Amino acid sequence: MENTESSWVLMLVPILLLYAFGVWMGFNKKIVVFRNYNDIFVVGLLFIIPIVFLTLFGFMGEDASDIKGVALYACLILEFITIVFIIIRTWNDNKNPLKLLFALFIKIPIGIFFFFHIYGAFTNKTRTSRGSSMFWSLMMLPLIYGLVADKSTGKMPSMSKR
């Protein structure tokens, strides 16, 4: 009988090595992972859209099953549109298909995990789990900062005088 833990580790090592190589390429500007700070939010929509739909339509009873079905299709359509937008935008930044795949391989998990932890920092039940989520979201900030190609655009408007 084969040890399942060692087989999982053997499958996970090449994936982690590819991920580390993609992050290295992003840090050294060989690929564009995030175009600007707005790009992080666009990827975060992959997490935000289902949460919003679950929040809005999850509280309805069994009488609203038709509305829930329509909401599910609307959620899937919005997710599909978001994925297509992310792929097109990443293709415009990385014209090489291999670089496109590396950028998507890095971009999508980071964006989803970052917004997952931000969401958890406000909605988790215990103080410890909220603190842990905030810790991990703060730990991801240097990684995200290093992967943003254009740090001068995509920021919130400032209140400075012109």
C-alpha atoms as a PDB file:
ATOM      1  CA  MET A   1       0.000   0.000   0.000  1.00  0.00           C
ATOM      2  CA  GLU A   2       1.365   3.396  -0.987  1.00  0.00           C
ATOM      3  CA  ASN A   3       1.698   6.181   1.547  1.00  0.00           C
ATOM      4  CA  THR A   4      -0.802   8.852   0.458  1.00  0.00           C
ATOM      5  CA  GLU A   5       0.923  11.669   2.353  1.00  0.00           C
ATOM      6  CA  SER A   6       4.182  11.225   0.485  1.00  0.00           C
ATOM      7  CA  SER A   7       2.387  11.049  -2.858  1.00  0.00           C
ATOM      8  CA  TRP A   8       0.632  14.362  -2.114  1.00  0.00           C
ATOM      9  CA  VAL A   9       3.953  15.959  -1.269  1.00  0.00           C
ATOM     10  CA  LEU A  10       5.524  14.619  -4.450  1.00  0.00           C
ATOM     11  CA  MET A  11       2.673  16.120  -6.504  1.00  0.00           C
ATOM     12  CA  LEU A  12       2.786  19.415  -4.611  1.00  0.00           C
ATOM     13  CA  VAL A  13       6.536  20.047  -4.953  1.00  0.00           C
ATOM     14  CA  PRO A  14       6.551  20.695  -8.735  1.00  0.00           C
ATOM     15  CA  ILE A  15       3.518  22.961  -8.434  1.00  0.00           C
ATOM     16  CA  LEU A  16       5.181  24.986  -5.680  1.00  0.00           C
ATOM     17  CA  LEU A  17       8.417  25.186  -7.663  1.00  0.00           C
ATOM     18  CA  LEU A  18       6.520  26.468 -10.720  1.00  0.00           C
ATOM     19  CA  TYR A  19       4.710  28.960  -8.517  1.00  0.00           C
ATOM     20  CA  ALA A  20       7.977  30.169  -6.985  1.00  0.00           C
ATOM     21  CA  PHE A  21       9.492  30.503 -10.458  1.00  0.00           C
ATOM     22  CA  GLY A  22       6.482  32.545 -11.591  1.00  0.00           C
ATOM     23  CA  VAL A  23       6.746  34.827  -8.556  1.00  0.00           C
ATOM     24  CA  TRP A  24      10.463  35.262  -9.271  1.00  0.00           C
ATOM     25  CA  MET A  25       9.651  36.182 -12.886  1.00  0.00           C
ATOM     26  CA  GLY A  26       7.072  38.682 -11.655  1.00  0.00           C
ATOM     27  CA  PHE A  27       9.444  40.289  -9.174  1.00  0.00           C
ATOM     28  CA  ASN A  28      12.145  40.595 -11.854  1.00  0.00           C
ATOM     29  CA  LYS A  29       9.636  42.083 -14.341  1.00  0.00           C
ATOM     30  CA  LYS A  30       9.999  39.237 -16.814  1.00  0.00           C
ATOM     31  CA  ILE A  31       6.204  38.877 -16.693  1.00  0.00           C
ATOM     32  CA  VAL A  32       3.495  41.336 -15.708  1.00  0.00           C
ATOM     33  CA  VAL A  33       1.391  39.737 -13.002  1.00  0.00           C
ATOM     34  CA  PHE A  34      -0.642  42.747 -11.877  1.00  0.00           C
ATOM     35  CA  ARG A  35      -0.768  45.726 -14.250  1.00  0.00           C
ATOM     36  CA  ASN A  36      -1.661  48.155 -11.455  1.00  0.00           C
ATOM     37  CA  TYR A  37      -3.512  48.139  -8.162  1.00  0.00           C
ATOM     38  CA  ASN A  38      -6.897  48.056  -9.891  1.00  0.00           C
ATOM     39  CA  ASP A  39      -5.918  44.717 -11.410  1.00  0.00           C
ATOM     40  CA  ILE A  40      -5.809  43.190  -7.930  1.00  0.00           C
ATOM     41  CA  PHE A  41      -9.398  44.243  -7.330  1.00  0.00           C
ATOM     42  CA  VAL A  42     -10.493  42.832 -10.700  1.00  0.00           C
ATOM     43  CA  VAL A  43      -9.057  39.444  -9.720  1.00  0.00           C
ATOM     44  CA  GLY A  44     -10.645  39.848  -6.282  1.00  0.00           C
ATOM     45  CA  LEU A  45     -14.033  40.003  -8.007  1.00  0.00           C
ATOM     46  CA  LEU A  46     -13.704  36.257  -8.530  1.00  0.00           C
ATOM     47  CA  PHE A  47     -14.147  35.960  -4.756  1.00  0.00           C
ATOM     48  CA  ILE A  48     -16.418  38.965  -4.185  1.00  0.00           C
ATOM     49  CA  ILE A  49     -19.119  38.112  -6.755  1.00  0.00           C
ATOM     50  CA  PRO A  50     -20.071  34.717  -5.233  1.00  0.00           C
ATOM     51  CA  ILE A  51     -19.980  36.158  -1.698  1.00  0.00           C
ATOM     52  CA  VAL A  52     -22.353  38.963  -2.701  1.00  0.00           C
ATOM     53  CA  PHE A  53     -24.731  36.556  -4.427  1.00  0.00           C
ATOM     54  CA  LEU A  54     -24.659  34.123  -1.493  1.00  0.00           C
ATOM     55  CA  THR A  55     -25.315  36.970   0.918  1.00  0.00           C
ATOM     56  CA  LEU A  56     -28.162  38.451  -1.096  1.00  0.00           C
ATOM     57  CA  PHE A  57     -29.911  35.259  -2.125  1.00  0.00           C
ATOM     58  CA  GLY A  58     -28.840  32.835   0.622  1.00  0.00           C
ATOM     59  CA  PHE A  59     -31.350  34.193   3.120  1.00  0.00           C
ATOM     60  CA  MET A  60     -34.368  33.531   0.920  1.00  0.00           C
ATOM     61  CA  GLY A  61     -36.551  30.583   1.791  1.00  0.00           C
ATOM     62  CA  GLU A  62     -37.623  27.651  -0.366  1.00  0.00           C
ATOM     63  CA  ASP A  63     -40.350  29.772  -1.969  1.00  0.00           C
ATOM     64  CA  ALA A  64     -37.722  31.740  -3.889  1.00  0.00           C
ATOM     65  CA  SER A  65     -36.092  28.788  -5.657  1.00  0.00           C
ATOM     66  CA  ASP A  66     -36.779  30.345  -9.088  1.00  0.00           C
ATOM     67  CA  ILE A  67     -35.041  33.562  -8.056  1.00  0.00           C
ATOM     68  CA  LYS A  68     -32.128  31.564  -6.645  1.00  0.00           C
ATOM     69  CA  GLY A  69     -31.758  29.723  -9.961  1.00  0.00           C
ATOM     70  CA  VAL A  70     -31.692  32.960 -11.923  1.00  0.00           C
ATOM     71  CA  ALA A  71     -29.234  34.445  -9.414  1.00  0.00           C
ATOM     72  CA  LEU A  72     -26.974  31.395  -9.821  1.00  0.00           C
ATOM     73  CA  TYR A  73     -26.925  31.829 -13.593  1.00  0.00           C
ATOM     74  CA  ALA A  74     -26.276  35.567 -13.198  1.00  0.00           C
ATOM     75  CA  CYS A  75     -23.390  34.794 -10.821  1.00  0.00           C
ATOM     76  CA  LEU A  76     -21.903  32.276 -13.265  1.00  0.00           C
ATOM     77  CA  ILE A  77     -22.200  34.744 -16.153  1.00  0.00           C
ATOM     78  CA  LEU A  78     -20.513  37.505 -14.136  1.00  0.00           C
ATOM     79  CA  GLU A  79     -17.736  35.112 -13.104  1.00  0.00           C
ATOM     80  CA  PHE A  80     -17.224  34.069 -16.722  1.00  0.00           C
ATOM     81  CA  ILE A  81     -17.096  37.696 -17.876  1.00  0.00           C
ATOM     82  CA  THR A  82     -14.585  38.467 -15.138  1.00  0.00           C
ATOM     83  CA  ILE A  83     -12.366  35.506 -16.087  1.00  0.00           C
ATOM     84  CA  VAL A  84     -12.444  36.514 -19.764  1.00  0.00           C
ATOM     85  CA  PHE A  85     -11.602  40.120 -18.825  1.00  0.00           C
ATOM     86  CA  ILE A  86      -8.667  38.951 -16.671  1.00  0.00           C
ATOM     87  CA  ILE A  87      -7.344  36.709 -19.452  1.00  0.00           C
ATOM     88  CA  ILE A  88      -7.613  39.453 -22.096  1.00  0.00           C
ATOM     89  CA  ARG A  89      -5.989  42.019 -19.824  1.00  0.00           C
ATOM     90  CA  THR A  90      -3.179  39.629 -18.927  1.00  0.00           C
ATOM     91  CA  TRP A  91      -2.687  38.756 -22.606  1.00  0.00           C
ATOM     92  CA  ASN A  92      -2.292  42.476 -23.399  1.00  0.00           C
ATOM     93  CA  ASP A  93       0.480  42.651 -20.797  1.00  0.00           C
ATOM     94  CA  ASN A  94       2.189  39.355 -21.700  1.00  0.00           C
ATOM     95  CA  LYS A  95       2.022  38.518 -25.413  1.00  0.00           C
ATOM     96  CA  ASN A  96       3.807  35.187 -24.966  1.00  0.00           C
ATOM     97  CA  PRO A  97       1.339  32.327 -24.169  1.00  0.00           C
ATOM     98  CA  LEU A  98       3.739  30.754 -21.661  1.00  0.00           C
ATOM     99  CA  LYS A  99       4.158  34.071 -19.858  1.00  0.00           C
ATOM    100  CA  LEU A 100       0.382  34.486 -19.929  1.00  0.00           C
ATOM    101  CA  LEU A 101      -0.073  31.120 -18.212  1.00  0.00           C
ATOM    102  CA  PHE A 102       2.574  31.938 -15.594  1.00  0.00           C
ATOM    103  CA  ALA A 103       0.971  35.322 -14.891  1.00  0.00           C
ATOM    104  CA  LEU A 104      -2.499  33.779 -14.550  1.00  0.00           C
ATOM    105  CA  PHE A 105      -1.066  30.983 -12.380  1.00  0.00           C
ATOM    106  CA  ILE A 106       0.287  33.619  -9.992  1.00  0.00           C
ATOM    107  CA  LYS A 107      -2.386  36.300 -10.322  1.00  0.00           C
ATOM    108  CA  ILE A 108      -5.593  34.370  -9.671  1.00  0.00           C
ATOM    109  CA  PRO A 109      -4.620  32.537  -6.443  1.00  0.00           C
ATOM    110  CA  ILE A 110      -3.010  35.631  -4.919  1.00  0.00           C
ATOM    111  CA  GLY A 111      -6.038  37.809  -5.640  1.00  0.00           C
ATOM    112  CA  ILE A 112      -8.523  35.256  -4.351  1.00  0.00           C
ATOM    113  CA  PHE A 113      -6.529  34.438  -1.198  1.00  0.00           C
ATOM    114  CA  PHE A 114      -5.950  38.112  -0.432  1.00  0.00           C
ATOM    115  CA  PHE A 115      -9.651  38.960  -0.614  1.00  0.00           C
ATOM    116  CA  PHE A 116     -10.516  35.743   1.244  1.00  0.00           C
ATOM    117  CA  HIS A 117      -8.333  36.861   4.148  1.00  0.00           C
ATOM    118  CA  ILE A 118      -9.650  40.432   4.055  1.00  0.00           C
ATOM    119  CA  TYR A 119     -13.199  39.057   4.148  1.00  0.00           C
ATOM    120  CA  GLY A 120     -12.257  36.710   6.993  1.00  0.00           C
ATOM    121  CA  ALA A 121     -10.729  39.555   8.987  1.00  0.00           C
ATOM    122  CA  PHE A 122     -14.192  41.117   9.238  1.00  0.00           C
ATOM    123  CA  THR A 123     -16.502  38.093   9.299  1.00  0.00           C
ATOM    124  CA  ASN A 124     -14.775  35.268  11.200  1.00  0.00           C
ATOM    125  CA  LYS A 125     -16.449  34.296  14.454  1.00  0.00           C
ATOM    126  CA  THR A 126     -13.560  34.395  16.907  1.00  0.00           C
ATOM    127  CA  ARG A 127     -11.030  37.087  17.637  1.00  0.00           C
ATOM    128  CA  THR A 128      -8.170  34.676  16.993  1.00  0.00           C
ATOM    129  CA  SER A 129      -9.384  33.688  13.538  1.00  0.00           C
ATOM    130  CA  ARG A 130     -10.035  37.343  12.606  1.00  0.00           C
ATOM    131  CA  GLY A 131      -6.527  38.211  13.768  1.00  0.00           C
ATOM    132  CA  SER A 132      -5.067  35.318  11.799  1.00  0.00           C
ATOM    133  CA  SER A 133      -6.870  36.447   8.641  1.00  0.00           C
ATOM    134  CA  MET A 134      -5.632  40.001   9.104  1.00  0.00           C
ATOM    135  CA  PHE A 135      -2.097  38.709   9.706  1.00  0.00           C
ATOM    136  CA  TRP A 136      -2.087  36.717   6.453  1.00  0.00           C
ATOM    137  CA  SER A 137      -3.574  39.565   4.444  1.00  0.00           C
ATOM    138  CA  LEU A 138      -0.850  41.877   5.784  1.00  0.00           C
ATOM    139  CA  MET A 139       1.820  39.265   5.018  1.00  0.00           C
ATOM    140  CA  MET A 140       0.619  39.148   1.412  1.00  0.00           C
ATOM    141  CA  LEU A 141       0.998  42.915   0.905  1.00  0.00           C
ATOM    142  CA  PRO A 142       4.771  42.886   0.158  1.00  0.00           C
ATOM    143  CA  LEU A 143       4.241  40.047  -2.322  1.00  0.00           C
ATOM    144  CA  ILE A 144       1.445  41.940  -4.056  1.00  0.00           C
ATOM    145  CA  TYR A 145       3.461  45.169  -4.029  1.00  0.00           C
ATOM    146  CA  GLY A 146       6.390  43.428  -5.713  1.00  0.00           C
ATOM    147  CA  LEU A 147       4.156  41.932  -8.409  1.00  0.00           C
ATOM    148  CA  VAL A 148       2.476  45.223  -9.402  1.00  0.00           C
ATOM    149  CA  ALA A 149       4.116  46.505 -12.586  1.00  0.00           C
ATOM    150  CA  ASP A 150       2.870  50.116 -12.628  1.00  0.00           C
ATOM    151  CA  LYS A 151       2.796  51.438  -9.088  1.00  0.00           C
ATOM    152  CA  SER A 152       1.899  54.981 -10.186  1.00  0.00           C
ATOM    153  CA  THR A 153      -1.582  54.175 -11.548  1.00  0.00           C
ATOM    154  CA  GLY A 154      -4.605  52.470 -10.155  1.00  0.00           C
ATOM    155  CA  LYS A 155      -4.526  54.181  -6.785  1.00  0.00           C
ATOM    156  CA  MET A 156      -7.343  55.908  -5.017  1.00  0.00           C
ATOM    157  CA  PRO A 157      -7.602  59.635  -5.747  1.00  0.00           C
ATOM    158  CA  SER A 158      -5.683  61.704  -3.251  1.00  0.00           C
ATOM    159  CA  MET A 159      -7.032  64.696  -1.364  1.00  0.00           C
ATOM    160  CA  SER A 160      -3.962  66.837  -2.061  1.00  0.00           C
ATOM    161  CA  LYS A 161      -4.327  70.340  -3.458  1.00  0.00           C
ATOM    162  CA  ARG A 162      -3.579  70.847  -7.113  1.00  0.00           C
END
